[in-house]
PDB file of N, CA and C in Angstrom:
ATOM      1  N   MET A   1      89.405  52.171 -61.612  1.00  0.00           N
ATOM      2  CA  MET A   1      88.391  52.484 -60.627  1.00  0.00           C
ATOM      3  C   MET A   1      89.036  52.582 -59.251  1.00  0.00           C
ATOM      4  N   ALA A   2      88.803  53.680 -58.577  1.00  0.00           N
ATOM      5  CA  ALA A   2      89.382  53.903 -57.253  1.00  0.00           C
ATOM      6  C   ALA A   2      88.548  53.195 -56.201  1.00  0.00           C
ATOM      7  N   ARG A   3      89.234  52.586 -55.259  1.00  0.00           N
ATOM      8  CA  ARG A   3      88.526  51.890 -54.191  1.00  0.00           C
ATOM      9  C   ARG A   3      88.583  52.721 -52.926  1.00  0.00           C
ATOM     10  N   ASN A   4      87.484  52.735 -52.226  1.00  0.00           N
ATOM     11  CA  ASN A   4      87.398  53.436 -50.950  1.00  0.00           C
ATOM     12  C   ASN A   4      87.870  52.480 -49.865  1.00  0.00           C
ATOM     13  N   SER A   5      88.869  52.877 -49.078  1.00  0.00           N
ATOM     14  CA  SER A   5      89.437  51.989 -48.068  1.00  0.00           C
ATOM     15  C   SER A   5      88.537  51.854 -46.839  1.00  0.00           C
ATOM     16  N   GLN A   6      87.628  52.775 -46.636  1.00  0.00           N
ATOM     17  CA  GLN A   6      86.729  52.705 -45.494  1.00  0.00           C
ATOM     18  C   GLN A   6      85.306  52.468 -45.998  1.00  0.00           C
ATOM     19  N   PRO A   7      84.616  51.525 -45.377  1.00  0.00           N
ATOM     20  CA  PRO A   7      83.229  51.315 -45.781  1.00  0.00           C
ATOM     21  C   PRO A   7      82.374  52.508 -45.386  1.00  0.00           C
ATOM     22  N   GLU A   8      81.414  52.801 -46.222  1.00  0.00           N
ATOM     23  CA  GLU A   8      80.530  53.928 -45.928  1.00  0.00           C
ATOM     24  C   GLU A   8      79.508  53.520 -44.888  1.00  0.00           C
ATOM     25  N   SER A   9      79.098  54.499 -44.095  1.00  0.00           N
ATOM     26  CA  SER A   9      78.060  54.241 -43.113  1.00  0.00           C
ATOM     27  C   SER A   9      76.725  54.149 -43.843  1.00  0.00           C
ATOM     28  N   PRO A  10      75.705  53.604 -43.194  1.00  0.00           N
ATOM     29  CA  PRO A  10      74.403  53.479 -43.846  1.00  0.00           C
ATOM     30  C   PRO A  10      73.868  54.802 -44.368  1.00  0.00           C
ATOM     31  N   SER A  11      74.188  55.906 -43.703  1.00  0.00           N
ATOM     32  CA  SER A  11      73.693  57.193 -44.174  1.00  0.00           C
ATOM     33  C   SER A  11      74.556  57.741 -45.295  1.00  0.00           C
ATOM     34  N   GLY A  12      75.760  57.160 -45.473  1.00  0.00           N
ATOM     35  CA  GLY A  12      76.629  57.586 -46.556  1.00  0.00           C
ATOM     36  C   GLY A  12      77.558  58.717 -46.194  1.00  0.00           C
ATOM     37  N   SER A  13      77.451  59.273 -44.997  1.00  0.00           N
ATOM     38  CA  SER A  13      78.271  60.429 -44.660  1.00  0.00           C
ATOM     39  C   SER A  13      79.555  60.065 -43.939  1.00  0.00           C
ATOM     40  N   GLY A  14      79.586  58.991 -43.183  1.00  0.00           N
ATOM     41  CA  GLY A  14      80.770  58.610 -42.432  1.00  0.00           C
ATOM     42  C   GLY A  14      81.016  59.474 -41.215  1.00  0.00           C
ATOM     43  N   SER A  15      80.053  60.303 -40.841  1.00  0.00           N
ATOM     44  CA  SER A  15      80.275  61.207 -39.714  1.00  0.00           C
ATOM     45  C   SER A  15      80.326  60.456 -38.387  1.00  0.00           C
ATOM     46  N   GLY A  16      79.696  59.312 -38.288  1.00  0.00           N
ATOM     47  CA  GLY A  16      79.740  58.538 -37.048  1.00  0.00           C
ATOM     48  C   GLY A  16      81.151  58.083 -36.733  1.00  0.00           C
ATOM     49  N   LYS A  17      81.869  57.680 -37.753  1.00  0.00           N
ATOM     50  CA  LYS A  17      83.258  57.244 -37.585  1.00  0.00           C
ATOM     51  C   LYS A  17      84.135  58.420 -37.152  1.00  0.00           C
ATOM     52  N   ARG A  18      83.928  59.589 -37.768  1.00  0.00           N
ATOM     53  CA  ARG A  18      84.711  60.778 -37.402  1.00  0.00           C
ATOM     54  C   ARG A  18      84.416  61.198 -35.965  1.00  0.00           C
ATOM     55  N   ASP A  19      83.152  61.132 -35.566  1.00  0.00           N
ATOM     56  CA  ASP A  19      82.791  61.495 -34.193  1.00  0.00           C
ATOM     57  C   ASP A  19      83.438  60.544 -33.190  1.00  0.00           C
ATOM     58  N   GLU A  20      83.475  59.271 -33.539  1.00  0.00           N
ATOM     59  CA  GLU A  20      84.104  58.290 -32.656  1.00  0.00           C
ATOM     60  C   GLU A  20      85.610  58.545 -32.546  1.00  0.00           C
ATOM     61  N   GLN A  21      86.244  58.857 -33.676  1.00  0.00           N
ATOM     62  CA  GLN A  21      87.676  59.151 -33.658  1.00  0.00           C
ATOM     63  C   GLN A  21      87.959  60.414 -32.848  1.00  0.00           C
ATOM     64  N   ARG A  22      87.115  61.426 -32.988  1.00  0.00           N
ATOM     65  CA  ARG A  22      87.286  62.661 -32.228  1.00  0.00           C
ATOM     66  C   ARG A  22      87.130  62.391 -30.735  1.00  0.00           C
ATOM     67  N   ALA A  23      86.178  61.554 -30.370  1.00  0.00           N
ATOM     68  CA  ALA A  23      85.971  61.234 -28.955  1.00  0.00           C
ATOM     69  C   ALA A  23      87.188  60.510 -28.379  1.00  0.00           C
ATOM     70  N   TRP A  24      87.754  59.570 -29.138  1.00  0.00           N
ATOM     71  CA  TRP A  24      88.948  58.864 -28.666  1.00  0.00           C
ATOM     72  C   TRP A  24      90.137  59.807 -28.555  1.00  0.00           C
ATOM     73  N   ARG A  25      90.266  60.731 -29.510  1.00  0.00           N
ATOM     74  CA  ARG A  25      91.369  61.689 -29.476  1.00  0.00           C
ATOM     75  C   ARG A  25      91.242  62.598 -28.246  1.00  0.00           C
ATOM     76  N   GLN A  26      90.032  63.065 -27.975  1.00  0.00           N
ATOM     77  CA  GLN A  26      89.821  63.911 -26.808  1.00  0.00           C
ATOM     78  C   GLN A  26      90.085  63.145 -25.516  1.00  0.00           C
ATOM     79  N   ALA A  27      89.674  61.880 -25.472  1.00  0.00           N
ATOM     80  CA  ALA A  27      89.924  61.074 -24.279  1.00  0.00           C
ATOM     81  C   ALA A  27      91.428  60.916 -24.045  1.00  0.00           C
ATOM     82  N   ALA A  28      92.180  60.723 -25.114  1.00  0.00           N
ATOM     83  CA  ALA A  28      93.632  60.598 -24.982  1.00  0.00           C
ATOM     84  C   ALA A  28      94.252  61.908 -24.504  1.00  0.00           C
ATOM     85  N   GLU A  29      93.774  63.024 -25.028  1.00  0.00           N
ATOM     86  CA  GLU A  29      94.318  64.321 -24.610  1.00  0.00           C
ATOM     87  C   GLU A  29      93.993  64.611 -23.143  1.00  0.00           C
ATOM     88  N   TYR A  30      92.783  64.298 -22.714  1.00  0.00           N
ATOM     89  CA  TYR A  30      92.417  64.541 -21.318  1.00  0.00           C
ATOM     90  C   TYR A  30      93.152  63.592 -20.377  1.00  0.00           C
ATOM     91  N   SER A  31      93.409  62.360 -20.803  1.00  0.00           N
ATOM     92  CA  SER A  31      94.180  61.467 -19.934  1.00  0.00           C
ATOM     93  C   SER A  31      95.621  61.940 -19.840  1.00  0.00           C
ATOM     94  N   GLY A  32      96.137  62.563 -20.899  1.00  0.00           N
ATOM     95  CA  GLY A  32      97.454  63.178 -20.815  1.00  0.00           C
ATOM     96  C   GLY A  32      97.467  64.329 -19.832  1.00  0.00           C
ATOM     97  N   LEU A  33      96.390  65.095 -19.820  1.00  0.00           N
ATOM     98  CA  LEU A  33      96.268  66.179 -18.833  1.00  0.00           C
ATOM     99  C   LEU A  33      96.193  65.617 -17.414  1.00  0.00           C
ATOM    100  N   ALA A  34      95.556  64.478 -17.273  1.00  0.00           N
ATOM    101  CA  ALA A  34      95.447  63.864 -15.947  1.00  0.00           C
ATOM    102  C   ALA A  34      96.818  63.482 -15.416  1.00  0.00           C
ATOM    103  N   MET A  35      97.753  63.187 -16.299  1.00  0.00           N
ATOM    104  CA  MET A  35      99.119  62.887 -15.874  1.00  0.00           C
ATOM    105  C   MET A  35      99.931  64.163 -15.669  1.00  0.00           C
ATOM    106  N   SER A  36      99.684  65.174 -16.485  1.00  0.00           N
ATOM    107  CA  SER A  36     100.506  66.384 -16.393  1.00  0.00           C
ATOM    108  C   SER A  36     100.156  67.237 -15.170  1.00  0.00           C
ATOM    109  N   MET A  37      98.944  67.148 -14.684  1.00  0.00           N
ATOM    110  CA  MET A  37      98.572  67.948 -13.511  1.00  0.00           C
ATOM    111  C   MET A  37      99.367  67.555 -12.271  1.00  0.00           C
ATOM    112  N   PRO A  38      99.430  66.277 -11.892  1.00  0.00           N
ATOM    113  CA  PRO A  38     100.244  65.948 -10.717  1.00  0.00           C
ATOM    114  C   PRO A  38     101.741  66.155 -10.959  1.00  0.00           C
ATOM    115  N   ILE A  39     102.185  65.967 -12.194  1.00  0.00           N
ATOM    116  CA  ILE A  39     103.603  66.200 -12.498  1.00  0.00           C
ATOM    117  C   ILE A  39     103.943  67.667 -12.301  1.00  0.00           C
ATOM    118  N   ALA A  40     103.065  68.566 -12.750  1.00  0.00           N
ATOM    119  CA  ALA A  40     103.295  70.004 -12.562  1.00  0.00           C
ATOM    120  C   ALA A  40     103.338  70.352 -11.078  1.00  0.00           C
ATOM    121  N   ALA A  41     102.468  69.744 -10.291  1.00  0.00           N
ATOM    122  CA  ALA A  41     102.448  70.017  -8.853  1.00  0.00           C
ATOM    123  C   ALA A  41     103.741  69.535  -8.190  1.00  0.00           C
ATOM    124  N   VAL A  42     104.185  68.347  -8.543  1.00  0.00           N
ATOM    125  CA  VAL A  42     105.416  67.803  -7.955  1.00  0.00           C
ATOM    126  C   VAL A  42     106.634  68.631  -8.371  1.00  0.00           C
ATOM    127  N   LEU A  43     106.694  69.001  -9.648  1.00  0.00           N
ATOM    128  CA  LEU A  43     107.825  69.812 -10.108  1.00  0.00           C
ATOM    129  C   LEU A  43     107.843  71.186  -9.439  1.00  0.00           C
ATOM    130  N   GLY A  44     106.675  71.777  -9.256  1.00  0.00           N
ATOM    131  CA  GLY A  44     106.600  73.047  -8.549  1.00  0.00           C
ATOM    132  C   GLY A  44     107.080  72.922  -7.114  1.00  0.00           C
ATOM    133  N   TYR A  45     106.672  71.858  -6.457  1.00  0.00           N
ATOM    134  CA  TYR A  45     107.110  71.630  -5.075  1.00  0.00           C
ATOM    135  C   TYR A  45     108.618  71.419  -5.005  1.00  0.00           C
ATOM    136  N   LEU A  46     109.146  70.598  -5.907  1.00  0.00           N
ATOM    137  CA  LEU A  46     110.584  70.329  -5.902  1.00  0.00           C
ATOM    138  C   LEU A  46     111.396  71.593  -6.183  1.00  0.00           C
ATOM    139  N   ALA A  47     110.916  72.413  -7.124  1.00  0.00           N
ATOM    140  CA  ALA A  47     111.621  73.664  -7.424  1.00  0.00           C
ATOM    141  C   ALA A  47     111.586  74.585  -6.201  1.00  0.00           C
ATOM    142  N   GLY A  48     110.445  74.689  -5.544  1.00  0.00           N
ATOM    143  CA  GLY A  48     110.345  75.508  -4.341  1.00  0.00           C
ATOM    144  C   GLY A  48     111.205  74.976  -3.210  1.00  0.00           C
ATOM    145  N   ASN A  49     111.246  73.664  -3.064  1.00  0.00           N
ATOM    146  CA  ASN A  49     112.079  73.047  -2.039  1.00  0.00           C
ATOM    147  C   ASN A  49     113.558  73.308  -2.305  1.00  0.00           C
ATOM    148  N   TYR A  50     113.946  73.238  -3.559  1.00  0.00           N
ATOM    149  CA  TYR A  50     115.335  73.534  -3.931  1.00  0.00           C
ATOM    150  C   TYR A  50     115.687  74.981  -3.578  1.00  0.00           C
ATOM    151  N   LEU A  51     114.790  75.893  -3.920  1.00  0.00           N
ATOM    152  CA  LEU A  51     115.037  77.303  -3.593  1.00  0.00           C
ATOM    153  C   LEU A  51     115.053  77.534  -2.081  1.00  0.00           C
ATOM    154  N   ASP A  52     114.231  76.766  -1.344  1.00  0.00           N
ATOM    155  CA  ASP A  52     114.270  76.850   0.121  1.00  0.00           C
ATOM    156  C   ASP A  52     115.661  76.496   0.638  1.00  0.00           C
ATOM    157  N   GLY A  53     116.227  75.423   0.130  1.00  0.00           N
ATOM    158  CA  GLY A  53     117.559  75.010   0.562  1.00  0.00           C
ATOM    159  C   GLY A  53     118.626  75.996   0.146  1.00  0.00           C
ATOM    160  N   LEU A  54     118.441  76.591  -1.032  1.00  0.00           N
ATOM    161  CA  LEU A  54     119.422  77.531  -1.557  1.00  0.00           C
ATOM    162  C   LEU A  54     119.420  78.845  -0.788  1.00  0.00           C
ATOM    163  N   TRP A  55     118.234  79.316  -0.447  1.00  0.00           N
ATOM    164  CA  TRP A  55     118.101  80.630   0.182  1.00  0.00           C
ATOM    165  C   TRP A  55     117.848  80.567   1.691  1.00  0.00           C
ATOM    166  N   GLY A  56     117.687  79.373   2.227  1.00  0.00           N
ATOM    167  CA  GLY A  56     117.464  79.242   3.661  1.00  0.00           C
ATOM    168  C   GLY A  56     116.069  79.626   4.117  1.00  0.00           C
ATOM    169  N   THR A  57     115.094  79.534   3.235  1.00  0.00           N
ATOM    170  CA  THR A  57     113.707  79.845   3.604  1.00  0.00           C
ATOM    171  C   THR A  57     112.964  78.546   3.890  1.00  0.00           C
ATOM    172  N   ARG A  58     111.691  78.655   4.293  1.00  0.00           N
ATOM    173  CA  ARG A  58     110.916  77.459   4.616  1.00  0.00           C
ATOM    174  C   ARG A  58     109.541  77.445   3.957  1.00  0.00           C
ATOM    175  N   PHE A  59     109.230  78.398   3.111  1.00  0.00           N
ATOM    176  CA  PHE A  59     107.870  78.492   2.571  1.00  0.00           C
ATOM    177  C   PHE A  59     107.790  78.300   1.055  1.00  0.00           C
ATOM    178  N   LEU A  60     108.903  78.310   0.364  1.00  0.00           N
ATOM    179  CA  LEU A  60     108.862  78.273  -1.099  1.00  0.00           C
ATOM    180  C   LEU A  60     108.417  76.924  -1.667  1.00  0.00           C
ATOM    181  N   GLY A  61     108.562  75.857  -0.894  1.00  0.00           N
ATOM    182  CA  GLY A  61     108.047  74.556  -1.331  1.00  0.00           C
ATOM    183  C   GLY A  61     106.540  74.595  -1.501  1.00  0.00           C
ATOM    184  N   VAL A  62     105.863  75.221  -0.544  1.00  0.00           N
ATOM    185  CA  VAL A  62     104.405  75.350  -0.604  1.00  0.00           C
ATOM    186  C   VAL A  62     104.003  76.297  -1.743  1.00  0.00           C
ATOM    187  N   VAL A  63     104.753  77.385  -1.893  1.00  0.00           N
ATOM    188  CA  VAL A  63     104.468  78.331  -2.977  1.00  0.00           C
ATOM    189  C   VAL A  63     104.630  77.642  -4.328  1.00  0.00           C
ATOM    190  N   GLY A  64     105.700  76.864  -4.484  1.00  0.00           N
ATOM    191  CA  GLY A  64     105.906  76.121  -5.732  1.00  0.00           C
ATOM    192  C   GLY A  64     104.803  75.115  -5.984  1.00  0.00           C
ATOM    193  N   LEU A  65     104.354  74.450  -4.923  1.00  0.00           N
ATOM    194  CA  LEU A  65     103.253  73.492  -5.046  1.00  0.00           C
ATOM    195  C   LEU A  65     101.986  74.186  -5.533  1.00  0.00           C
ATOM    196  N   VAL A  66     101.678  75.332  -4.952  1.00  0.00           N
ATOM    197  CA  VAL A  66     100.479  76.076  -5.354  1.00  0.00           C
ATOM    198  C   VAL A  66     100.583  76.515  -6.815  1.00  0.00           C
ATOM    199  N   PHE A  67     101.745  77.011  -7.205  1.00  0.00           N
ATOM    200  CA  PHE A  67     101.917  77.396  -8.604  1.00  0.00           C
ATOM    201  C   PHE A  67     101.821  76.198  -9.544  1.00  0.00           C
ATOM    202  N   GLY A  68     102.340  75.061  -9.136  1.00  0.00           N
ATOM    203  CA  GLY A  68     102.230  73.849  -9.953  1.00  0.00           C
ATOM    204  C   GLY A  68     100.789  73.409 -10.132  1.00  0.00           C
ATOM    205  N   ILE A  69     100.040  73.432  -9.049  1.00  0.00           N
ATOM    206  CA  ILE A  69      98.616  73.060  -9.116  1.00  0.00           C
ATOM    207  C   ILE A  69      97.857  74.050  -9.992  1.00  0.00           C
ATOM    208  N   ALA A  70      98.144  75.331  -9.822  1.00  0.00           N
ATOM    209  CA  ALA A  70      97.469  76.353 -10.627  1.00  0.00           C
ATOM    210  C   ALA A  70      97.782  76.188 -12.108  1.00  0.00           C
ATOM    211  N   SER A  71      99.018  75.862 -12.440  1.00  0.00           N
ATOM    212  CA  SER A  71      99.351  75.694 -13.857  1.00  0.00           C
ATOM    213  C   SER A  71      98.668  74.458 -14.434  1.00  0.00           C
ATOM    214  N   GLY A  72      98.528  73.402 -13.644  1.00  0.00           N
ATOM    215  CA  GLY A  72      97.807  72.217 -14.106  1.00  0.00           C
ATOM    216  C   GLY A  72      96.342  72.516 -14.369  1.00  0.00           C
ATOM    217  N   PHE A  73      95.710  73.241 -13.480  1.00  0.00           N
ATOM    218  CA  PHE A  73      94.308  73.612 -13.687  1.00  0.00           C
ATOM    219  C   PHE A  73      94.152  74.581 -14.858  1.00  0.00           C
ATOM    220  N   ALA A  74      95.124  75.462 -15.039  1.00  0.00           N
ATOM    221  CA  ALA A  74      95.058  76.383 -16.180  1.00  0.00           C
ATOM    222  C   ALA A  74      95.107  75.613 -17.494  1.00  0.00           C
ATOM    223  N   GLN A  75      95.941  74.578 -17.550  1.00  0.00           N
ATOM    224  CA  GLN A  75      95.977  73.733 -18.749  1.00  0.00           C
ATOM    225  C   GLN A  75      94.634  73.045 -18.972  1.00  0.00           C
ATOM    226  N   LEU A  76      94.047  72.533 -17.913  1.00  0.00           N
ATOM    227  CA  LEU A  76      92.763  71.838 -18.016  1.00  0.00           C
ATOM    228  C   LEU A  76      91.668  72.774 -18.503  1.00  0.00           C
ATOM    229  N   VAL A  77      91.590  73.959 -17.928  1.00  0.00           N
ATOM    230  CA  VAL A  77      90.557  74.922 -18.321  1.00  0.00           C
ATOM    231  C   VAL A  77      90.761  75.362 -19.770  1.00  0.00           C
ATOM    232  N   SER A  78      92.007  75.599 -20.148  1.00  0.00           N
ATOM    233  CA  SER A  78      92.303  76.003 -21.524  1.00  0.00           C
ATOM    234  C   SER A  78      91.864  74.931 -22.515  1.00  0.00           C
ATOM    235  N   LYS A  79      92.161  73.678 -22.214  1.00  0.00           N
ATOM    236  CA  LYS A  79      91.766  72.568 -23.089  1.00  0.00           C
ATOM    237  C   LYS A  79      90.247  72.444 -23.154  1.00  0.00           C
ATOM    238  N   ALA A  80      89.585  72.571 -22.026  1.00  0.00           N
ATOM    239  CA  ALA A  80      88.121  72.460 -22.002  1.00  0.00           C
ATOM    240  C   ALA A  80      87.477  73.584 -22.808  1.00  0.00           C
ATOM    241  N   LEU A  81      87.997  74.803 -22.701  1.00  0.00           N
ATOM    242  CA  LEU A  81      87.444  75.917 -23.472  1.00  0.00           C
ATOM    243  C   LEU A  81      87.676  75.728 -24.974  1.00  0.00           C
ATOM    244  N   ARG A  82      88.847  75.224 -25.349  1.00  0.00           N
ATOM    245  CA  ARG A  82      89.117  74.945 -26.769  1.00  0.00           C
ATOM    246  C   ARG A  82      88.160  73.898 -27.307  1.00  0.00           C
ATOM    247  N   ASP A  83      87.922  72.836 -26.523  1.00  0.00           N
ATOM    248  CA  ASP A  83      87.010  71.783 -26.962  1.00  0.00           C
ATOM    249  C   ASP A  83      85.576  72.294 -27.056  1.00  0.00           C
ATOM    250  N   ALA A  84      85.177  73.129 -26.112  1.00  0.00           N
ATOM    251  CA  ALA A  84      83.823  73.677 -26.147  1.00  0.00           C
ATOM    252  C   ALA A  84      83.646  74.573 -27.356  1.00  0.00           C
ATOM    253  N   LYS A  85      84.666  75.346 -27.667  1.00  0.00           N
ATOM    254  CA  LYS A  85      84.588  76.249 -28.823  1.00  0.00           C
ATOM    255  C   LYS A  85      84.550  75.457 -30.122  1.00  0.00           C
ATOM    256  N   SER A  86      85.332  74.376 -30.208  1.00  0.00           N
ATOM    257  CA  SER A  86      85.366  73.589 -31.443  1.00  0.00           C
ATOM    258  C   SER A  86      84.087  72.758 -31.622  1.00  0.00           C
ATOM    259  N   SER A  87      83.431  72.395 -30.520  1.00  0.00           N
ATOM    260  CA  SER A  87      82.192  71.614 -30.644  1.00  0.00           C
ATOM    261  C   SER A  87      80.991  72.482 -31.027  1.00  0.00           C
ATOM    262  N   GLU A  88      81.119  73.812 -30.862  1.00  0.00           N
ATOM    263  CA  GLU A  88      80.026  74.712 -31.235  1.00  0.00           C
ATOM    264  C   GLU A  88      79.921  74.855 -32.744  1.00  0.00           C
ATOM    265  N   ARG A  89      81.013  74.603 -33.438  1.00  0.00           N
ATOM    266  CA  ARG A  89      81.012  74.758 -34.902  1.00  0.00           C
ATOM    267  C   ARG A  89      80.227  73.711 -35.605  1.00  0.00           C
TER     268      ARG A  89
END
């Protein structure tokens, strides 16, 4: 006789447990995005600052910062759209 390692929910479907696991997984992914957004901005600024020193310009640090911020927001929007699409199913 095979034993079920997880107790069944009162309704017998176990969907409450899956929904809870999905919510925790999404929370972990969004908190990872919360860390990657400022990292992208800082890396963009540093890359622009490096190019400023290399080429003798003074504006590429700001340009790199803007691109870093934009890439962080693009990741956030992409993740939100994927989650919205998967929750419609």
